[in-house]
Amino acid sequence: MAFALDLSKFIEKAQGNAETVVKKVGIDMLAKVVDRSPVGNPDLWKGEGPKGYVGGRFRRNWQVTFGRPAQGEVDGVDPSGSATNSAGAAVLASYRSGISSIWLANNVPYSYILEMGHSSQAPLGVAGVTATEFQTFVDQAVRELDT
């Protein structure tokens, strides 16, 4: 599961601060998908979870890339989302004009069913809902330039 941001649509609005706006929008959108990502909670399951289960694998697997979606998965879990946000922010810090797309991808095998609302924690999904808010993120980033 992934979505791409078409950066050309708002570069003009940001004028000379395009790189700053792109980075801010990317960081904010990543934070939102990470925050919306359900973390396995055995208390909500119909059956028993695996012994020693620790949730956060889906949340950990949000990956930021330029030009094309990430391949493969990231090892480990990140229930709080802080490591995932930090890793993504580090990638976004290297954004430069001329890069035409930023991808936020999650490649765990069950990402599609979560996006389709399988989790009671995210009944509307994660990425699609966040993508619909793209213009709001852009507007906020541009407003912050004025302050």
N, C-alpha and C. Protein backbone atom coordinates (compact mmCIF):
# COMPACT_ATOMS: atom_id res chain seq x y z
N MET A 1 0.84 -1.16 0.00
CA MET A 1 0.00 0.00 0.00
C MET A 1 0.89 1.23 0.00
N ALA A 2 0.57 2.20 -0.84
CA ALA A 2 1.37 3.42 -0.91
C ALA A 2 0.53 4.53 -1.53
N PHE A 3 0.95 5.73 -1.33
CA PHE A 3 0.40 6.83 -2.10
C PHE A 3 1.52 7.80 -2.38
N ALA A 4 1.40 8.49 -3.51
CA ALA A 4 2.43 9.43 -3.93
C ALA A 4 1.86 10.84 -3.89
N LEU A 5 2.68 11.79 -3.60
CA LEU A 5 2.27 13.18 -3.61
C LEU A 5 2.78 13.82 -4.89
N ASP A 6 1.87 14.44 -5.64
CA ASP A 6 2.27 15.16 -6.84
C ASP A 6 2.68 16.56 -6.41
N LEU A 7 3.98 16.76 -6.34
CA LEU A 7 4.52 17.99 -5.79
C LEU A 7 4.34 19.20 -6.69
N SER A 8 4.22 18.98 -7.98
CA SER A 8 4.16 20.10 -8.92
C SER A 8 2.92 20.96 -8.71
N LYS A 9 1.84 20.42 -8.12
CA LYS A 9 0.59 21.15 -7.98
C LYS A 9 0.66 22.31 -7.01
N PHE A 10 1.59 22.29 -6.10
CA PHE A 10 1.63 23.39 -5.15
C PHE A 10 2.96 24.11 -5.06
N ILE A 11 3.93 23.74 -5.88
CA ILE A 11 5.24 24.40 -5.86
C ILE A 11 5.08 25.91 -6.08
N GLU A 12 4.21 26.27 -7.05
CA GLU A 12 4.04 27.69 -7.35
C GLU A 12 3.50 28.46 -6.15
N LYS A 13 2.57 27.85 -5.41
CA LYS A 13 1.98 28.51 -4.25
C LYS A 13 3.03 28.80 -3.18
N ALA A 14 4.00 27.94 -3.06
CA ALA A 14 5.02 28.10 -2.04
C ALA A 14 6.10 29.09 -2.45
N GLN A 15 6.13 29.45 -3.70
CA GLN A 15 7.10 30.38 -4.27
C GLN A 15 8.53 29.96 -3.95
N GLY A 16 9.34 30.82 -3.39
CA GLY A 16 10.74 30.52 -3.15
C GLY A 16 10.99 29.58 -1.99
N ASN A 17 9.95 29.22 -1.29
CA ASN A 17 10.08 28.36 -0.12
C ASN A 17 9.58 26.94 -0.40
N ALA A 18 9.61 26.54 -1.64
CA ALA A 18 9.04 25.24 -2.03
C ALA A 18 9.65 24.08 -1.26
N GLU A 19 10.96 24.05 -1.13
CA GLU A 19 11.59 22.93 -0.43
C GLU A 19 11.14 22.86 1.02
N THR A 20 11.03 24.00 1.67
CA THR A 20 10.58 24.04 3.05
C THR A 20 9.16 23.52 3.17
N VAL A 21 8.29 23.95 2.27
CA VAL A 21 6.89 23.51 2.30
C VAL A 21 6.80 22.02 2.02
N VAL A 22 7.52 21.52 1.04
CA VAL A 22 7.48 20.10 0.71
C VAL A 22 7.93 19.27 1.91
N LYS A 23 9.01 19.65 2.52
CA LYS A 23 9.50 18.91 3.69
C LYS A 23 8.47 18.91 4.82
N LYS A 24 7.90 20.07 5.10
CA LYS A 24 6.90 20.19 6.16
C LYS A 24 5.68 19.34 5.86
N VAL A 25 5.18 19.41 4.64
CA VAL A 25 4.01 18.61 4.26
C VAL A 25 4.32 17.13 4.39
N GLY A 26 5.49 16.71 3.92
CA GLY A 26 5.88 15.30 4.01
C GLY A 26 5.96 14.83 5.45
N ILE A 27 6.58 15.62 6.30
CA ILE A 27 6.71 15.25 7.72
C ILE A 27 5.34 15.19 8.38
N ASP A 28 4.49 16.15 8.08
CA ASP A 28 3.16 16.17 8.69
C ASP A 28 2.29 15.01 8.21
N MET A 29 2.36 14.70 6.92
CA MET A 29 1.57 13.58 6.41
C MET A 29 2.08 12.26 6.95
N LEU A 30 3.39 12.11 7.04
CA LEU A 30 3.94 10.89 7.64
C LEU A 30 3.46 10.76 9.08
N ALA A 31 3.55 11.83 9.85
CA ALA A 31 3.11 11.78 11.24
C ALA A 31 1.65 11.37 11.34
N LYS A 32 0.84 11.84 10.42
CA LYS A 32 -0.59 11.52 10.46
C LYS A 32 -0.84 10.05 10.12
N VAL A 33 -0.17 9.51 9.08
CA VAL A 33 -0.40 8.10 8.76
C VAL A 33 0.14 7.21 9.88
N VAL A 34 1.26 7.60 10.47
CA VAL A 34 1.81 6.81 11.58
C VAL A 34 0.84 6.85 12.76
N ASP A 35 0.36 8.02 13.09
CA ASP A 35 -0.57 8.16 14.21
C ASP A 35 -1.86 7.38 13.97
N ARG A 36 -2.34 7.37 12.75
CA ARG A 36 -3.59 6.67 12.42
C ARG A 36 -3.39 5.15 12.29
N SER A 37 -2.17 4.71 12.22
CA SER A 37 -1.90 3.28 12.03
C SER A 37 -2.24 2.50 13.28
N PRO A 38 -3.12 1.52 13.14
CA PRO A 38 -3.48 0.73 14.32
C PRO A 38 -2.29 -0.08 14.84
N VAL A 39 -2.24 -0.22 16.14
CA VAL A 39 -1.24 -1.05 16.79
C VAL A 39 -1.99 -2.22 17.41
N GLY A 40 -1.56 -3.44 17.07
CA GLY A 40 -2.24 -4.62 17.56
C GLY A 40 -2.48 -4.58 19.06
N ASN A 41 -3.73 -4.82 19.43
CA ASN A 41 -4.12 -4.80 20.83
C ASN A 41 -4.92 -6.07 21.10
N PRO A 42 -4.29 -7.09 21.71
CA PRO A 42 -4.98 -8.36 21.96
C PRO A 42 -6.29 -8.22 22.73
N ASP A 43 -6.46 -7.14 23.50
CA ASP A 43 -7.72 -6.94 24.23
C ASP A 43 -8.89 -6.71 23.29
N LEU A 44 -8.60 -6.28 22.06
CA LEU A 44 -9.67 -6.03 21.09
C LEU A 44 -9.93 -7.23 20.18
N TRP A 45 -9.13 -8.27 20.27
CA TRP A 45 -9.25 -9.42 19.38
C TRP A 45 -10.34 -10.37 19.85
N LYS A 46 -10.92 -11.09 18.89
CA LYS A 46 -11.93 -12.08 19.20
C LYS A 46 -11.30 -13.32 19.84
N GLY A 47 -10.08 -13.65 19.42
CA GLY A 47 -9.37 -14.80 19.97
C GLY A 47 -8.12 -14.34 20.69
N GLU A 48 -7.36 -15.30 21.14
CA GLU A 48 -6.11 -14.99 21.84
C GLU A 48 -5.00 -14.69 20.84
N GLY A 49 -4.16 -13.75 21.19
CA GLY A 49 -3.02 -13.41 20.35
C GLY A 49 -1.86 -14.35 20.63
N PRO A 50 -0.86 -14.32 19.78
CA PRO A 50 0.33 -15.16 19.99
C PRO A 50 1.02 -14.80 21.31
N LYS A 51 1.56 -15.80 21.97
CA LYS A 51 2.27 -15.58 23.24
C LYS A 51 3.43 -14.61 23.01
N GLY A 52 3.56 -13.61 23.87
CA GLY A 52 4.63 -12.64 23.77
C GLY A 52 4.43 -11.57 22.70
N TYR A 53 3.21 -11.50 22.14
CA TYR A 53 2.93 -10.55 21.06
C TYR A 53 3.17 -9.11 21.52
N VAL A 54 3.84 -8.33 20.67
CA VAL A 54 4.02 -6.90 20.87
C VAL A 54 3.58 -6.21 19.59
N GLY A 55 2.63 -5.32 19.68
CA GLY A 55 2.11 -4.61 18.50
C GLY A 55 3.04 -3.50 18.04
N GLY A 56 2.82 -3.03 16.85
CA GLY A 56 3.57 -1.90 16.31
C GLY A 56 4.32 -2.20 15.04
N ARG A 57 4.17 -3.40 14.47
CA ARG A 57 4.87 -3.74 13.23
C ARG A 57 4.36 -2.91 12.06
N PHE A 58 3.04 -2.80 11.93
CA PHE A 58 2.47 -1.99 10.85
C PHE A 58 2.92 -0.54 10.98
N ARG A 59 2.84 0.00 12.16
CA ARG A 59 3.25 1.39 12.39
C ARG A 59 4.73 1.58 12.04
N ARG A 60 5.56 0.62 12.36
CA ARG A 60 7.01 0.70 12.10
C ARG A 60 7.34 0.67 10.61
N ASN A 61 6.45 0.12 9.81
CA ASN A 61 6.77 -0.12 8.42
C ASN A 61 6.41 1.00 7.45
N TRP A 62 6.04 2.16 7.93
CA TRP A 62 5.87 3.30 7.02
C TRP A 62 7.27 3.76 6.60
N GLN A 63 7.49 3.76 5.29
CA GLN A 63 8.80 4.12 4.73
C GLN A 63 8.64 5.29 3.76
N VAL A 64 9.57 6.22 3.82
CA VAL A 64 9.57 7.39 2.95
C VAL A 64 10.67 7.22 1.91
N THR A 65 10.30 7.40 0.64
CA THR A 65 11.27 7.34 -0.46
C THR A 65 10.93 8.41 -1.48
N PHE A 66 11.88 8.66 -2.36
CA PHE A 66 11.67 9.61 -3.45
C PHE A 66 11.60 8.83 -4.77
N GLY A 67 10.70 9.24 -5.65
CA GLY A 67 10.65 8.70 -7.00
C GLY A 67 9.91 7.40 -7.19
N ARG A 68 9.97 6.50 -6.24
CA ARG A 68 9.26 5.22 -6.33
C ARG A 68 9.08 4.67 -4.93
N PRO A 69 8.09 3.78 -4.76
CA PRO A 69 7.82 3.27 -3.41
C PRO A 69 8.93 2.35 -2.91
N ALA A 70 9.07 2.31 -1.60
CA ALA A 70 10.02 1.41 -0.96
C ALA A 70 9.65 -0.04 -1.26
N GLN A 71 10.64 -0.88 -1.26
CA GLN A 71 10.44 -2.32 -1.43
C GLN A 71 10.77 -2.99 -0.11
N GLY A 72 10.08 -4.05 0.21
CA GLY A 72 10.40 -4.81 1.41
C GLY A 72 9.86 -4.18 2.67
N GLU A 73 10.20 -4.83 3.78
CA GLU A 73 9.71 -4.42 5.09
C GLU A 73 10.86 -3.97 5.98
N VAL A 74 10.49 -3.29 7.06
CA VAL A 74 11.43 -2.86 8.08
C VAL A 74 11.27 -3.82 9.25
N ASP A 75 12.37 -4.28 9.82
CA ASP A 75 12.30 -5.17 10.97
C ASP A 75 11.89 -4.41 12.22
N GLY A 76 11.23 -5.10 13.11
CA GLY A 76 10.93 -4.54 14.42
C GLY A 76 9.54 -3.95 14.53
N VAL A 77 9.29 -3.39 15.69
CA VAL A 77 8.02 -2.75 16.00
C VAL A 77 8.29 -1.34 16.51
N ASP A 78 7.27 -0.50 16.42
CA ASP A 78 7.37 0.87 16.90
C ASP A 78 6.00 1.31 17.40
N PRO A 79 5.57 0.81 18.55
CA PRO A 79 4.23 1.14 19.03
C PRO A 79 3.96 2.65 19.16
N SER A 80 4.96 3.42 19.51
CA SER A 80 4.75 4.87 19.68
C SER A 80 4.82 5.62 18.35
N GLY A 81 5.51 5.06 17.37
CA GLY A 81 5.69 5.73 16.09
C GLY A 81 6.87 6.67 16.04
N SER A 82 7.56 6.87 17.15
CA SER A 82 8.65 7.86 17.18
C SER A 82 9.82 7.47 16.28
N ALA A 83 10.20 6.21 16.26
CA ALA A 83 11.32 5.79 15.40
C ALA A 83 10.95 5.92 13.93
N THR A 84 9.72 5.60 13.60
CA THR A 84 9.26 5.70 12.22
C THR A 84 9.24 7.15 11.76
N ASN A 85 8.72 8.03 12.60
CA ASN A 85 8.70 9.45 12.26
C ASN A 85 10.11 10.01 12.12
N SER A 86 11.01 9.60 13.00
CA SER A 86 12.39 10.08 12.92
C SER A 86 13.08 9.61 11.64
N ALA A 87 12.88 8.35 11.29
CA ALA A 87 13.49 7.82 10.07
C ALA A 87 12.95 8.54 8.84
N GLY A 88 11.65 8.76 8.80
CA GLY A 88 11.05 9.46 7.67
C GLY A 88 11.49 10.91 7.58
N ALA A 89 11.58 11.57 8.72
CA ALA A 89 12.03 12.97 8.73
C ALA A 89 13.46 13.09 8.23
N ALA A 90 14.28 12.10 8.55
CA ALA A 90 15.67 12.12 8.07
C ALA A 90 15.72 12.02 6.55
N VAL A 91 14.87 11.18 5.97
CA VAL A 91 14.80 11.09 4.51
C VAL A 91 14.30 12.41 3.93
N LEU A 92 13.23 12.93 4.48
CA LEU A 92 12.65 14.17 3.97
C LEU A 92 13.59 15.36 4.09
N ALA A 93 14.47 15.34 5.05
CA ALA A 93 15.45 16.42 5.20
C ALA A 93 16.36 16.53 3.98
N SER A 94 16.50 15.44 3.24
CA SER A 94 17.36 15.46 2.06
C SER A 94 16.60 15.84 0.78
N TYR A 95 15.32 16.18 0.91
CA TYR A 95 14.54 16.58 -0.27
C TYR A 95 15.14 17.84 -0.89
N ARG A 96 15.22 17.84 -2.21
CA ARG A 96 15.67 19.01 -2.98
C ARG A 96 14.75 19.21 -4.17
N SER A 97 14.63 20.45 -4.63
CA SER A 97 13.84 20.75 -5.82
C SER A 97 14.30 19.85 -6.96
N GLY A 98 13.38 19.44 -7.77
CA GLY A 98 13.69 18.53 -8.87
C GLY A 98 13.24 17.11 -8.59
N ILE A 99 13.06 16.77 -7.33
CA ILE A 99 12.50 15.47 -6.98
C ILE A 99 11.00 15.58 -7.21
N SER A 100 10.45 14.71 -8.03
CA SER A 100 9.07 14.88 -8.47
C SER A 100 8.03 14.19 -7.60
N SER A 101 8.43 13.24 -6.77
CA SER A 101 7.42 12.58 -5.93
C SER A 101 8.04 12.07 -4.64
N ILE A 102 7.20 12.07 -3.63
CA ILE A 102 7.55 11.50 -2.33
C ILE A 102 6.56 10.37 -2.09
N TRP A 103 7.08 9.23 -1.71
CA TRP A 103 6.24 8.07 -1.45
C TRP A 103 6.25 7.74 0.03
N LEU A 104 5.07 7.45 0.56
CA LEU A 104 4.91 6.89 1.89
C LEU A 104 4.33 5.50 1.64
N ALA A 105 5.09 4.48 1.94
CA ALA A 105 4.66 3.12 1.64
C ALA A 105 4.74 2.23 2.86
N ASN A 106 3.85 1.26 2.91
CA ASN A 106 3.86 0.27 3.98
C ASN A 106 3.68 -1.09 3.31
N ASN A 107 4.67 -1.94 3.44
CA ASN A 107 4.69 -3.20 2.70
C ASN A 107 4.40 -4.44 3.52
N VAL A 108 3.89 -4.29 4.74
CA VAL A 108 3.54 -5.51 5.47
C VAL A 108 2.39 -6.18 4.73
N PRO A 109 2.32 -7.50 4.76
CA PRO A 109 1.33 -8.22 3.95
C PRO A 109 -0.13 -7.85 4.26
N TYR A 110 -0.40 -7.41 5.46
CA TYR A 110 -1.78 -7.09 5.85
C TYR A 110 -2.11 -5.61 5.74
N SER A 111 -1.22 -4.82 5.13
CA SER A 111 -1.48 -3.38 5.02
C SER A 111 -2.74 -3.09 4.22
N TYR A 112 -3.00 -3.87 3.17
CA TYR A 112 -4.19 -3.63 2.35
C TYR A 112 -5.48 -3.82 3.16
N ILE A 113 -5.55 -4.89 3.94
CA ILE A 113 -6.79 -5.11 4.69
C ILE A 113 -6.98 -4.04 5.77
N LEU A 114 -5.88 -3.56 6.33
CA LEU A 114 -6.01 -2.45 7.29
C LEU A 114 -6.51 -1.19 6.58
N GLU A 115 -6.00 -0.94 5.38
CA GLU A 115 -6.45 0.23 4.62
C GLU A 115 -7.92 0.12 4.24
N MET A 116 -8.40 -1.09 4.09
CA MET A 116 -9.81 -1.30 3.75
C MET A 116 -10.72 -1.29 4.97
N GLY A 117 -10.17 -0.95 6.15
CA GLY A 117 -10.99 -0.77 7.34
C GLY A 117 -11.14 -1.99 8.22
N HIS A 118 -10.26 -2.96 8.08
CA HIS A 118 -10.36 -4.19 8.87
C HIS A 118 -10.18 -3.95 10.37
N SER A 119 -9.47 -2.93 10.76
CA SER A 119 -9.21 -2.65 12.17
C SER A 119 -10.25 -1.70 12.75
N SER A 120 -10.76 -2.04 13.92
CA SER A 120 -11.69 -1.13 14.59
C SER A 120 -10.99 0.16 15.01
N GLN A 121 -9.66 0.14 15.08
CA GLN A 121 -8.90 1.34 15.43
C GLN A 121 -8.77 2.31 14.25
N ALA A 122 -8.94 1.79 13.04
CA ALA A 122 -8.84 2.62 11.83
C ALA A 122 -9.90 2.16 10.83
N PRO A 123 -11.18 2.32 11.17
CA PRO A 123 -12.24 1.79 10.30
C PRO A 123 -12.32 2.44 8.92
N LEU A 124 -11.71 3.61 8.76
CA LEU A 124 -11.70 4.28 7.46
C LEU A 124 -10.36 4.11 6.75
N GLY A 125 -9.47 3.31 7.31
CA GLY A 125 -8.15 3.14 6.74
C GLY A 125 -7.19 4.19 7.29
N VAL A 126 -6.06 4.33 6.59
CA VAL A 126 -4.99 5.19 7.07
C VAL A 126 -4.52 6.13 5.95
N ALA A 127 -3.98 5.57 4.89
CA ALA A 127 -3.36 6.37 3.83
C ALA A 127 -4.37 7.17 3.02
N GLY A 128 -5.46 6.54 2.64
CA GLY A 128 -6.46 7.23 1.83
C GLY A 128 -7.06 8.43 2.54
N VAL A 129 -7.37 8.25 3.80
CA VAL A 129 -7.93 9.35 4.59
C VAL A 129 -6.93 10.50 4.67
N THR A 130 -5.68 10.16 4.89
CA THR A 130 -4.64 11.19 4.99
C THR A 130 -4.43 11.88 3.65
N ALA A 131 -4.46 11.13 2.56
CA ALA A 131 -4.27 11.73 1.23
C ALA A 131 -5.36 12.75 0.92
N THR A 132 -6.59 12.52 1.40
CA THR A 132 -7.66 13.48 1.15
C THR A 132 -7.42 14.81 1.87
N GLU A 133 -6.54 14.81 2.86
CA GLU A 133 -6.24 16.02 3.61
C GLU A 133 -5.00 16.76 3.08
N PHE A 134 -4.49 16.32 1.95
CA PHE A 134 -3.26 16.88 1.39
C PHE A 134 -3.30 18.41 1.32
N GLN A 135 -4.35 18.96 0.75
CA GLN A 135 -4.42 20.42 0.59
C GLN A 135 -4.40 21.13 1.94
N THR A 136 -5.00 20.54 2.94
CA THR A 136 -4.97 21.12 4.28
C THR A 136 -3.54 21.19 4.81
N PHE A 137 -2.77 20.13 4.57
CA PHE A 137 -1.36 20.12 5.00
C PHE A 137 -0.56 21.19 4.25
N VAL A 138 -0.81 21.35 2.97
CA VAL A 138 -0.12 22.36 2.18
C VAL A 138 -0.47 23.75 2.69
N ASP A 139 -1.75 24.00 2.85
CA ASP A 139 -2.18 25.32 3.32
C ASP A 139 -1.56 25.67 4.67
N GLN A 140 -1.52 24.70 5.57
CA GLN A 140 -0.92 24.93 6.89
C GLN A 140 0.57 25.25 6.78
N ALA A 141 1.27 24.49 5.94
CA ALA A 141 2.71 24.72 5.77
C ALA A 141 2.98 26.11 5.19
N VAL A 142 2.17 26.52 4.23
CA VAL A 142 2.34 27.84 3.62
C VAL A 142 2.02 28.93 4.64
N ARG A 143 0.97 28.73 5.43
CA ARG A 143 0.62 29.71 6.49
C ARG A 143 1.78 29.87 7.48
N GLU A 144 2.42 28.77 7.81
CA GLU A 144 3.53 28.82 8.75
C GLU A 144 4.73 29.60 8.21
N LEU A 145 4.83 29.69 6.90
CA LEU A 145 5.90 30.50 6.31
C LEU A 145 5.69 31.98 6.60
N ASP A 146 4.42 32.37 6.72
CA ASP A 146 4.07 33.76 6.94
C ASP A 146 4.24 34.21 8.38
N THR A 147 4.42 33.26 9.30
CA THR A 147 4.50 33.63 10.72
C THR A 147 5.94 33.77 11.17
